[in-house]
Amino acid sequence: MQNRNCLDGICFIWNKMDARGDLMVNGKYRYDALGKKVRFHQMGSYQNKTISTDLLMLFNEKVMYKINWSRLSCKKMGLRVPFQPLEVPRDAFLAGQTILGSASAFGQGLLVNTWMGEDREFNAKYMSVFTGIGCLPVTSMYHTDSTGWVMLSYYNIMLGIDNPHFFHPPIFCQNAVLEGTTDYFEALRLEDELED
Protein backbone atom coordinates (compact mmCIF):
# COMPACT_ATOMS: atom_id res chain seq x y z
CA MET A 1 0.00 0.00 0.00
CA GLN A 2 1.38 3.39 -1.01
CA ASN A 3 1.51 6.27 1.48
CA ARG A 4 -1.61 8.45 1.21
CA ASN A 5 -1.22 10.48 4.41
CA CYS A 6 0.92 13.52 3.84
CA LEU A 7 1.96 16.48 5.95
CA ASP A 8 0.85 18.23 9.12
CA GLY A 9 2.62 21.53 8.47
CA ILE A 10 4.24 22.66 5.26
CA CYS A 11 5.32 25.76 3.40
CA PHE A 12 6.17 25.68 -0.29
CA ILE A 13 6.55 27.86 -3.33
CA TRP A 14 4.75 26.86 -6.51
CA ASN A 15 3.97 28.04 -9.98
CA LYS A 16 0.80 27.58 -11.97
CA MET A 17 0.12 27.75 -15.69
CA ASP A 18 -2.92 27.02 -17.82
CA ALA A 19 -2.93 25.24 -21.18
CA ARG A 20 -3.84 28.36 -23.17
CA GLY A 21 -0.95 30.41 -21.77
CA ASP A 22 -3.32 33.08 -20.38
CA LEU A 23 -2.32 32.40 -16.80
CA MET A 24 1.14 32.33 -15.22
CA VAL A 25 1.52 32.81 -11.47
CA ASN A 26 3.92 32.05 -8.66
CA GLY A 27 2.81 31.71 -5.12
CA LYS A 28 3.58 30.68 -1.59
CA TYR A 29 1.31 28.27 0.25
CA ARG A 30 1.38 27.78 4.03
CA TYR A 31 -0.59 24.87 5.40
CA ASP A 32 -1.38 23.82 8.99
CA ALA A 33 -3.25 20.50 8.99
CA LEU A 34 -3.61 20.30 12.77
CA GLY A 35 -5.03 23.82 13.09
CA LYS A 36 -6.92 23.51 9.77
CA LYS A 37 -5.48 26.76 8.42
CA VAL A 38 -4.24 27.78 4.97
CA ARG A 39 -2.47 30.97 3.85
CA PHE A 40 -2.23 31.41 0.12
CA HIS A 41 -0.30 34.17 -1.71
CA GLN A 42 0.04 34.42 -5.48
CA MET A 43 1.26 37.01 -7.96
CA GLY A 44 1.47 36.83 -11.70
CA SER A 45 -0.33 37.67 -14.89
CA TYR A 46 -3.62 36.71 -16.48
CA GLN A 47 -4.30 37.80 -20.07
CA ASN A 48 -1.38 40.28 -19.76
CA LYS A 49 -2.79 41.89 -16.59
CA THR A 50 -1.17 41.72 -13.16
CA ILE A 51 -2.93 39.66 -10.50
CA SER A 52 -2.31 39.44 -6.78
CA THR A 53 -4.10 37.26 -4.24
CA ASP A 54 -3.67 36.85 -0.48
CA LEU A 55 -6.13 34.49 1.20
CA LEU A 56 -6.26 33.36 4.81
CA MET A 57 -8.60 30.41 5.37
CA LEU A 58 -9.45 29.45 8.95
CA PHE A 59 -11.53 26.30 8.61
CA ASN A 60 -12.20 25.77 12.33
CA GLU A 61 -13.78 29.24 12.39
CA LYS A 62 -15.38 28.66 8.94
CA VAL A 63 -14.08 32.02 7.73
CA MET A 64 -11.83 33.30 4.94
CA TYR A 65 -10.11 36.67 4.62
CA LYS A 66 -9.32 38.06 1.18
CA ILE A 67 -6.57 40.56 1.97
CA ASN A 68 -5.76 43.56 -0.21
CA TRP A 69 -2.42 45.03 0.91
CA SER A 70 -2.40 47.92 -1.58
CA ARG A 71 -5.69 49.23 -0.14
CA LEU A 72 -5.13 47.90 3.41
CA SER A 73 -8.56 46.31 3.27
CA CYS A 74 -10.12 42.93 3.93
CA LYS A 75 -13.10 41.02 2.66
CA LYS A 76 -14.32 38.47 5.22
CA MET A 77 -16.44 35.58 3.97
CA GLY A 78 -17.83 32.38 5.44
CA LEU A 79 -16.30 29.11 4.21
CA ARG A 80 -18.96 26.64 3.11
CA VAL A 81 -16.57 23.76 2.46
CA PRO A 82 -14.70 21.57 4.94
CA PHE A 83 -10.93 21.57 5.33
CA GLN A 84 -9.21 19.50 2.63
CA PRO A 85 -6.05 17.85 3.94
CA LEU A 86 -3.01 17.83 1.65
CA GLU A 87 -3.14 14.14 0.91
CA VAL A 88 -3.92 11.68 -1.82
CA PRO A 89 -7.74 11.49 -2.13
CA ARG A 90 -9.26 8.23 -0.91
CA ASP A 91 -10.80 7.45 -4.29
CA ALA A 92 -7.62 8.17 -6.30
CA PHE A 93 -5.94 5.24 -7.98
CA LEU A 94 -2.22 4.67 -8.28
CA ALA A 95 -1.38 5.13 -11.96
CA GLY A 96 2.29 4.35 -11.59
CA GLN A 97 5.53 4.65 -9.70
CA THR A 98 8.76 5.87 -11.24
CA ILE A 99 12.14 7.43 -10.55
CA LEU A 100 12.75 11.06 -11.53
CA GLY A 101 16.41 11.41 -12.46
CA SER A 102 18.56 8.30 -12.30
CA ALA A 103 18.27 5.09 -10.29
CA SER A 104 21.73 3.91 -11.31
CA ALA A 105 23.62 5.87 -8.63
CA PHE A 106 22.75 6.60 -5.00
CA GLY A 107 21.07 9.98 -4.42
CA GLN A 108 20.49 10.81 -8.07
CA GLY A 109 16.85 9.79 -8.29
CA LEU A 110 13.56 10.57 -6.63
CA LEU A 111 10.88 7.90 -6.21
CA VAL A 112 7.45 9.32 -7.06
CA ASN A 113 3.89 8.00 -7.18
CA THR A 114 1.39 9.26 -9.76
CA TRP A 115 -2.24 9.31 -8.63
CA MET A 116 -5.30 9.95 -10.80
CA GLY A 117 -8.98 10.46 -10.18
CA GLU A 118 -12.10 12.56 -10.57
CA ASP A 119 -13.71 15.11 -8.29
CA ARG A 120 -17.40 14.68 -9.03
CA GLU A 121 -18.42 17.67 -6.88
CA PHE A 122 -16.46 20.07 -9.14
CA ASN A 123 -16.74 17.92 -12.30
CA ALA A 124 -12.93 17.86 -12.48
CA LYS A 125 -10.26 15.33 -13.39
CA TYR A 126 -6.86 15.39 -11.70
CA MET A 127 -3.44 13.82 -11.75
CA SER A 128 -1.05 14.37 -8.84
CA VAL A 129 2.53 13.30 -8.32
CA PHE A 130 3.82 12.86 -4.75
CA THR A 131 7.19 11.66 -3.53
CA GLY A 132 7.23 7.98 -2.59
CA ILE A 133 8.91 8.77 0.73
CA GLY A 134 7.45 11.64 2.73
CA CYS A 135 4.43 12.16 0.44
CA LEU A 136 5.54 15.63 -0.68
CA PRO A 137 3.68 17.16 -3.64
CA VAL A 138 5.72 17.42 -6.86
CA THR A 139 3.16 18.28 -9.57
CA SER A 140 -0.61 18.45 -9.87
CA MET A 141 -2.77 18.84 -12.93
CA TYR A 142 -6.53 19.32 -12.92
CA HIS A 143 -9.11 19.85 -15.61
CA THR A 144 -12.54 21.42 -15.62
CA ASP A 145 -14.57 22.52 -18.63
CA SER A 146 -14.21 26.17 -17.60
CA THR A 147 -10.44 26.16 -16.92
CA GLY A 148 -9.09 23.50 -19.24
CA TRP A 149 -5.93 21.84 -17.91
CA VAL A 150 -4.11 23.71 -15.15
CA MET A 151 -0.71 22.55 -13.90
CA LEU A 152 0.87 23.30 -10.54
CA SER A 153 4.53 22.58 -9.81
CA TYR A 154 5.77 22.61 -6.22
CA TYR A 155 9.29 23.42 -5.08
CA ASN A 156 11.29 24.77 -2.12
CA ILE A 157 9.17 22.73 0.26
CA MET A 158 9.84 23.38 3.93
CA LEU A 159 8.47 21.00 6.53
CA GLY A 160 6.87 22.70 9.49
CA ILE A 161 5.43 26.18 9.79
CA ASP A 162 7.95 28.97 9.16
CA ASN A 163 5.98 31.67 11.00
CA PRO A 164 2.70 31.02 12.87
CA HIS A 165 1.80 34.73 12.60
CA PHE A 166 0.91 34.19 8.94
CA PHE A 167 -2.20 32.37 10.19
CA HIS A 168 -3.55 35.51 11.91
CA PRO A 169 -5.40 38.22 9.96
CA PRO A 170 -3.66 41.60 9.70
CA ILE A 171 -4.78 44.29 12.13
CA PHE A 172 -6.77 46.13 9.45
CA CYS A 173 -9.00 43.05 9.11
CA GLN A 174 -10.26 43.22 12.70
CA ASN A 175 -13.39 45.19 11.79
CA ALA A 176 -14.19 43.27 8.61
CA VAL A 177 -17.86 42.26 8.43
CA LEU A 178 -18.94 38.84 7.15
CA GLU A 179 -20.04 39.20 3.48
CA GLY A 180 -21.63 35.96 2.29
CA THR A 181 -19.94 32.61 1.77
CA THR A 182 -17.39 31.14 -0.60
CA ASP A 183 -15.41 28.02 -1.34
CA TYR A 184 -11.77 27.59 -2.30
CA PHE A 185 -12.31 27.79 -6.07
CA GLU A 186 -14.65 30.78 -5.97
CA ALA A 187 -12.15 32.62 -3.79
CA LEU A 188 -9.51 32.24 -6.50
CA ARG A 189 -11.59 33.79 -9.28
CA LEU A 190 -9.12 35.90 -11.20
CA GLU A 191 -11.38 38.78 -12.19
CA ASP A 192 -11.44 39.90 -8.55
CA GLU A 193 -7.64 40.00 -8.43
CA LEU A 194 -6.84 42.14 -11.47
CA GLU A 195 -4.83 45.18 -10.41
CA ASP A 196 -6.05 48.66 -11.35
C-alpha atoms as a PDB file:
ATOM      1  CA  MET A   1       0.000   0.000   0.000  1.00  0.00           C
ATOM      2  CA  GLN A   2       1.382   3.391  -1.006  1.00  0.00           C
ATOM      3  CA  ASN A   3       1.515   6.274   1.484  1.00  0.00           C
ATOM      4  CA  ARG A   4      -1.608   8.451   1.213  1.00  0.00           C
ATOM      5  CA  ASN A   5      -1.215  10.481   4.411  1.00  0.00           C
ATOM      6  CA  CYS A   6       0.915  13.519   3.843  1.00  0.00           C
ATOM      7  CA  LEU A   7       1.961  16.475   5.948  1.00  0.00           C
ATOM      8  CA  ASP A   8       0.847  18.227   9.117  1.00  0.00           C
ATOM      9  CA  GLY A   9       2.625  21.531   8.474  1.00  0.00           C
ATOM     10  CA  ILE A  10       4.236  22.665   5.259  1.00  0.00           C
ATOM     11  CA  CYS A  11       5.317  25.760   3.400  1.00  0.00           C
ATOM     12  CA  PHE A  12       6.166  25.680  -0.289  1.00  0.00           C
ATOM     13  CA  ILE A  13       6.554  27.865  -3.333  1.00  0.00           C
ATOM     14  CA  TRP A  14       4.748  26.862  -6.507  1.00  0.00           C
ATOM     15  CA  ASN A  15       3.974  28.044  -9.978  1.00  0.00           C
ATOM     16  CA  LYS A  16       0.802  27.584 -11.972  1.00  0.00           C
ATOM     17  CA  MET A  17       0.116  27.754 -15.687  1.00  0.00           C
ATOM     18  CA  ASP A  18      -2.916  27.018 -17.822  1.00  0.00           C
ATOM     19  CA  ALA A  19      -2.927  25.245 -21.179  1.00  0.00           C
ATOM     20  CA  ARG A  20      -3.844  28.358 -23.174  1.00  0.00           C
ATOM     21  CA  GLY A  21      -0.953  30.408 -21.774  1.00  0.00           C
ATOM     22  CA  ASP A  22      -3.322  33.079 -20.385  1.00  0.00           C
ATOM     23  CA  LEU A  23      -2.315  32.396 -16.797  1.00  0.00           C
ATOM     24  CA  MET A  24       1.143  32.325 -15.224  1.00  0.00           C
ATOM     25  CA  VAL A  25       1.520  32.812 -11.469  1.00  0.00           C
ATOM     26  CA  ASN A  26       3.921  32.053  -8.664  1.00  0.00           C
ATOM     27  CA  GLY A  27       2.810  31.708  -5.117  1.00  0.00           C
ATOM     28  CA  LYS A  28       3.576  30.684  -1.590  1.00  0.00           C
ATOM     29  CA  TYR A  29       1.314  28.275   0.255  1.00  0.00           C
ATOM     30  CA  ARG A  30       1.381  27.781   4.030  1.00  0.00           C
ATOM     31  CA  TYR A  31      -0.586  24.872   5.405  1.00  0.00           C
ATOM     32  CA  ASP A  32      -1.379  23.816   8.986  1.00  0.00           C
ATOM     33  CA  ALA A  33      -3.247  20.497   8.986  1.00  0.00           C
ATOM     34  CA  LEU A  34      -3.614  20.301  12.770  1.00  0.00           C
ATOM     35  CA  GLY A  35      -5.028  23.823  13.089  1.00  0.00           C
ATOM     36  CA  LYS A  36      -6.917  23.512   9.768  1.00  0.00           C
ATOM     37  CA  LYS A  37      -5.485  26.761   8.421  1.00  0.00           C
ATOM     38  CA  VAL A  38      -4.240  27.785   4.965  1.00  0.00           C
ATOM     39  CA  ARG A  39      -2.467  30.972   3.849  1.00  0.00           C
ATOM     40  CA  PHE A  40      -2.231  31.406   0.118  1.00  0.00           C
ATOM     41  CA  HIS A  41      -0.297  34.173  -1.706  1.00  0.00           C
ATOM     42  CA  GLN A  42       0.038  34.417  -5.479  1.00  0.00           C
ATOM     43  CA  MET A  43       1.259  37.006  -7.957  1.00  0.00           C
ATOM     44  CA  GLY A  44       1.467  36.826 -11.699  1.00  0.00           C
ATOM     45  CA  SER A  45      -0.329  37.668 -14.891  1.00  0.00           C
ATOM     46  CA  TYR A  46      -3.621  36.709 -16.480  1.00  0.00           C
ATOM     47  CA  GLN A  47      -4.298  37.802 -20.069  1.00  0.00           C
ATOM     48  CA  ASN A  48      -1.380  40.276 -19.764  1.00  0.00           C
ATOM     49  CA  LYS A  49      -2.786  41.890 -16.588  1.00  0.00           C
ATOM     50  CA  THR A  50      -1.167  41.724 -13.156  1.00  0.00           C
ATOM     51  CA  ILE A  51      -2.934  39.662 -10.503  1.00  0.00           C
ATOM     52  CA  SER A  52      -2.309  39.438  -6.783  1.00  0.00           C
ATOM     53  CA  THR A  53      -4.100  37.259  -4.238  1.00  0.00           C
ATOM     54  CA  ASP A  54      -3.668  36.854  -0.479  1.00  0.00           C
ATOM     55  CA  LEU A  55      -6.129  34.494   1.197  1.00  0.00           C
ATOM     56  CA  LEU A  56      -6.258  33.360   4.809  1.00  0.00           C
ATOM     57  CA  MET A  57      -8.604  30.410   5.371  1.00  0.00           C
ATOM     58  CA  LEU A  58      -9.451  29.448   8.950  1.00  0.00           C
ATOM     59  CA  PHE A  59     -11.532  26.300   8.614  1.00  0.00           C
ATOM     60  CA  ASN A  60     -12.201  25.767  12.334  1.00  0.00           C
ATOM     61  CA  GLU A  61     -13.777  29.240  12.392  1.00  0.00           C
ATOM     62  CA  LYS A  62     -15.382  28.665   8.938  1.00  0.00           C
ATOM     63  CA  VAL A  63     -14.079  32.018   7.727  1.00  0.00           C
ATOM     64  CA  MET A  64     -11.826  33.297   4.943  1.00  0.00           C
ATOM     65  CA  TYR A  65     -10.114  36.670   4.620  1.00  0.00           C
ATOM     66  CA  LYS A  66      -9.316  38.063   1.175  1.00  0.00           C
ATOM     67  CA  ILE A  67      -6.565  40.564   1.972  1.00  0.00           C
ATOM     68  CA  ASN A  68      -5.756  43.565  -0.207  1.00  0.00           C
ATOM     69  CA  TRP A  69      -2.425  45.025   0.907  1.00  0.00           C
ATOM     70  CA  SER A  70      -2.396  47.916  -1.581  1.00  0.00           C
ATOM     71  CA  ARG A  71      -5.688  49.232  -0.144  1.00  0.00           C
ATOM     72  CA  LEU A  72      -5.132  47.901   3.407  1.00  0.00           C
ATOM     73  CA  SER A  73      -8.564  46.305   3.268  1.00  0.00           C
ATOM     74  CA  CYS A  74     -10.118  42.929   3.927  1.00  0.00           C
ATOM     75  CA  LYS A  75     -13.100  41.016   2.660  1.00  0.00           C
ATOM     76  CA  LYS A  76     -14.317  38.475   5.216  1.00  0.00           C
ATOM     77  CA  MET A  77     -16.436  35.579   3.966  1.00  0.00           C
ATOM     78  CA  GLY A  78     -17.829  32.382   5.442  1.00  0.00           C
ATOM     79  CA  LEU A  79     -16.300  29.113   4.212  1.00  0.00           C
ATOM     80  CA  ARG A  80     -18.958  26.640   3.112  1.00  0.00           C
ATOM     81  CA  VAL A  81     -16.571  23.760   2.465  1.00  0.00           C
ATOM     82  CA  PRO A  82     -14.702  21.570   4.941  1.00  0.00           C
ATOM     83  CA  PHE A  83     -10.933  21.567   5.327  1.00  0.00           C
ATOM     84  CA  GLN A  84      -9.214  19.503   2.625  1.00  0.00           C
ATOM     85  CA  PRO A  85      -6.049  17.847   3.939  1.00  0.00           C
ATOM     86  CA  LEU A  86      -3.014  17.826   1.654  1.00  0.00           C
ATOM     87  CA  GLU A  87      -3.144  14.135   0.913  1.00  0.00           C
ATOM     88  CA  VAL A  88      -3.923  11.683  -1.825  1.00  0.00           C
ATOM     89  CA  PRO A  89      -7.743  11.494  -2.129  1.00  0.00           C
ATOM     90  CA  ARG A  90      -9.255   8.228  -0.910  1.00  0.00           C
ATOM     91  CA  ASP A  91     -10.805   7.445  -4.290  1.00  0.00           C
ATOM     92  CA  ALA A  92      -7.625   8.170  -6.303  1.00  0.00           C
ATOM     93  CA  PHE A  93      -5.943   5.244  -7.977  1.00  0.00           C
ATOM     94  CA  LEU A  94      -2.217   4.671  -8.282  1.00  0.00           C
ATOM     95  CA  ALA A  95      -1.385   5.128 -11.964  1.00  0.00           C
ATOM     96  CA  GLY A  96       2.287   4.349 -11.591  1.00  0.00           C
ATOM     97  CA  GLN A  97       5.534   4.653  -9.700  1.00  0.00           C
ATOM     98  CA  THR A  98       8.760   5.869 -11.240  1.00  0.00           C
ATOM     99  CA  ILE A  99      12.143   7.430 -10.547  1.00  0.00           C
ATOM    100  CA  LEU A 100      12.746  11.062 -11.528  1.00  0.00           C
ATOM    101  CA  GLY A 101      16.412  11.409 -12.456  1.00  0.00           C
ATOM    102  CA  SER A 102      18.560   8.296 -12.297  1.00  0.00           C
ATOM    103  CA  ALA A 103      18.268   5.094 -10.292  1.00  0.00           C
ATOM    104  CA  SER A 104      21.734   3.913 -11.312  1.00  0.00           C
ATOM    105  CA  ALA A 105      23.621   5.874  -8.629  1.00  0.00           C
ATOM    106  CA  PHE A 106      22.755   6.603  -4.998  1.00  0.00           C
ATOM    107  CA  GLY A 107      21.073   9.979  -4.417  1.00  0.00           C
ATOM    108  CA  GLN A 108      20.491  10.809  -8.069  1.00  0.00           C
ATOM    109  CA  GLY A 109      16.852   9.791  -8.294  1.00  0.00           C
ATOM    110  CA  LEU A 110      13.558  10.573  -6.626  1.00  0.00           C
ATOM    111  CA  LEU A 111      10.882   7.895  -6.214  1.00  0.00           C
ATOM    112  CA  VAL A 112       7.446   9.321  -7.063  1.00  0.00           C
ATOM    113  CA  ASN A 113       3.888   7.997  -7.178  1.00  0.00           C
ATOM    114  CA  THR A 114       1.387   9.261  -9.757  1.00  0.00           C
ATOM    115  CA  TRP A 115      -2.236   9.306  -8.632  1.00  0.00           C
ATOM    116  CA  MET A 116      -5.297   9.953 -10.796  1.00  0.00           C
ATOM    117  CA  GLY A 117      -8.983  10.459 -10.184  1.00  0.00           C
ATOM    118  CA  GLU A 118     -12.098  12.560 -10.569  1.00  0.00           C
ATOM    119  CA  ASP A 119     -13.707  15.106  -8.288  1.00  0.00           C
ATOM    120  CA  ARG A 120     -17.396  14.683  -9.034  1.00  0.00           C
ATOM    121  CA  GLU A 121     -18.416  17.668  -6.879  1.00  0.00           C
ATOM    122  CA  PHE A 122     -16.463  20.073  -9.138  1.00  0.00           C
ATOM    123  CA  ASN A 123     -16.738  17.922 -12.297  1.00  0.00           C
ATOM    124  CA  ALA A 124     -12.932  17.855 -12.476  1.00  0.00           C
ATOM    125  CA  LYS A 125     -10.258  15.334 -13.386  1.00  0.00           C
ATOM    126  CA  TYR A 126      -6.861  15.391 -11.702  1.00  0.00           C
ATOM    127  CA  MET A 127      -3.438  13.816 -11.750  1.00  0.00           C
ATOM    128  CA  SER A 128      -1.054  14.370  -8.836  1.00  0.00           C
ATOM    129  CA  VAL A 129       2.530  13.303  -8.317  1.00  0.00           C
ATOM    130  CA  PHE A 130       3.815  12.863  -4.747  1.00  0.00           C
ATOM    131  CA  THR A 131       7.192  11.660  -3.526  1.00  0.00           C
ATOM    132  CA  GLY A 132       7.230   7.975  -2.587  1.00  0.00           C
ATOM    133  CA  ILE A 133       8.913   8.774   0.734  1.00  0.00           C
ATOM    134  CA  GLY A 134       7.445  11.644   2.726  1.00  0.00           C
ATOM    135  CA  CYS A 135       4.425  12.160   0.441  1.00  0.00           C
ATOM    136  CA  LEU A 136       5.537  15.634  -0.676  1.00  0.00           C
ATOM    137  CA  PRO A 137       3.675  17.159  -3.636  1.00  0.00           C
ATOM    138  CA  VAL A 138       5.716  17.416  -6.857  1.00  0.00           C
ATOM    139  CA  THR A 139       3.163  18.282  -9.571  1.00  0.00           C
ATOM    140  CA  SER A 140      -0.614  18.447  -9.875  1.00  0.00           C
ATOM    141  CA  MET A 141      -2.770  18.836 -12.928  1.00  0.00           C
ATOM    142  CA  TYR A 142      -6.531  19.321 -12.923  1.00  0.00           C
ATOM    143  CA  HIS A 143      -9.111  19.849 -15.608  1.00  0.00           C
ATOM    144  CA  THR A 144     -12.541  21.423 -15.622  1.00  0.00           C
ATOM    145  CA  ASP A 145     -14.569  22.524 -18.631  1.00  0.00           C
ATOM    146  CA  SER A 146     -14.207  26.168 -17.604  1.00  0.00           C
ATOM    147  CA  THR A 147     -10.444  26.164 -16.916  1.00  0.00           C
ATOM    148  CA  GLY A 148      -9.089  23.496 -19.241  1.00  0.00           C
ATOM    149  CA  TRP A 149      -5.928  21.837 -17.910  1.00  0.00           C
ATOM    150  CA  VAL A 150      -4.108  23.713 -15.150  1.00  0.00           C
ATOM    151  CA  MET A 151      -0.711  22.546 -13.901  1.00  0.00           C
ATOM    152  CA  LEU A 152       0.869  23.299 -10.536  1.00  0.00           C
ATOM    153  CA  SER A 153       4.532  22.578  -9.813  1.00  0.00           C
ATOM    154  CA  TYR A 154       5.771  22.611  -6.221  1.00  0.00           C
ATOM    155  CA  TYR A 155       9.294  23.421  -5.081  1.00  0.00           C
ATOM    156  CA  ASN A 156      11.288  24.772  -2.120  1.00  0.00           C
ATOM    157  CA  ILE A 157       9.173  22.726   0.264  1.00  0.00           C
ATOM    158  CA  MET A 158       9.843  23.382   3.928  1.00  0.00           C
ATOM    159  CA  LEU A 159       8.470  20.999   6.531  1.00  0.00           C
ATOM    160  CA  GLY A 160       6.871  22.698   9.491  1.00  0.00           C
ATOM    161  CA  ILE A 161       5.435  26.181   9.793  1.00  0.00           C
ATOM    162  CA  ASP A 162       7.952  28.965   9.163  1.00  0.00           C
ATOM    163  CA  ASN A 163       5.983  31.666  11.005  1.00  0.00           C
ATOM    164  CA  PRO A 164       2.702  31.025  12.866  1.00  0.00           C
ATOM    165  CA  HIS A 165       1.801  34.730  12.605  1.00  0.00           C
ATOM    166  CA  PHE A 166       0.915  34.188   8.941  1.00  0.00           C
ATOM    167  CA  PHE A 167      -2.196  32.372  10.190  1.00  0.00           C
ATOM    168  CA  HIS A 168      -3.547  35.514  11.906  1.00  0.00           C
ATOM    169  CA  PRO A 169      -5.401  38.217   9.965  1.00  0.00           C
ATOM    170  CA  PRO A 170      -3.658  41.603   9.703  1.00  0.00           C
ATOM    171  CA  ILE A 171      -4.779  44.292  12.129  1.00  0.00           C
ATOM    172  CA  PHE A 172      -6.770  46.129   9.451  1.00  0.00           C
ATOM    173  CA  CYS A 173      -9.000  43.050   9.114  1.00  0.00           C
ATOM    174  CA  GLN A 174     -10.263  43.224  12.698  1.00  0.00           C
ATOM    175  CA  ASN A 175     -13.393  45.194  11.792  1.00  0.00           C
ATOM    176  CA  ALA A 176     -14.193  43.269   8.615  1.00  0.00           C
ATOM    177  CA  VAL A 177     -17.857  42.257   8.434  1.00  0.00           C
ATOM    178  CA  LEU A 178     -18.936  38.840   7.151  1.00  0.00           C
ATOM    179  CA  GLU A 179     -20.040  39.199   3.481  1.00  0.00           C
ATOM    180  CA  GLY A 180     -21.633  35.961   2.293  1.00  0.00           C
ATOM    181  CA  THR A 181     -19.941  32.612   1.765  1.00  0.00           C
ATOM    182  CA  THR A 182     -17.389  31.135  -0.604  1.00  0.00           C
ATOM    183  CA  ASP A 183     -15.405  28.020  -1.339  1.00  0.00           C
ATOM    184  CA  TYR A 184     -11.769  27.594  -2.300  1.00  0.00           C
ATOM    185  CA  PHE A 185     -12.309  27.791  -6.070  1.00  0.00           C
ATOM    186  CA  GLU A 186     -14.652  30.784  -5.968  1.00  0.00           C
ATOM    187  CA  ALA A 187     -12.146  32.623  -3.785  1.00  0.00           C
ATOM    188  CA  LEU A 188      -9.507  32.235  -6.496  1.00  0.00           C
ATOM    189  CA  ARG A 189     -11.592  33.788  -9.278  1.00  0.00           C
ATOM    190  CA  LEU A 190      -9.120  35.905 -11.202  1.00  0.00           C
ATOM    191  CA  GLU A 191     -11.380  38.775 -12.191  1.00  0.00           C
ATOM    192  CA  ASP A 192     -11.441  39.901  -8.549  1.00  0.00           C
ATOM    193  CA  GLU A 193      -7.642  39.999  -8.432  1.00  0.00           C
ATOM    194  CA  LEU A 194      -6.841  42.143 -11.472  1.00  0.00           C
ATOM    195  CA  GLU A 195      -4.834  45.178 -10.411  1.00  0.00           C
ATOM    196  CA  ASP A 196      -6.053  48.661 -11.353  1.00  0.00           C
END
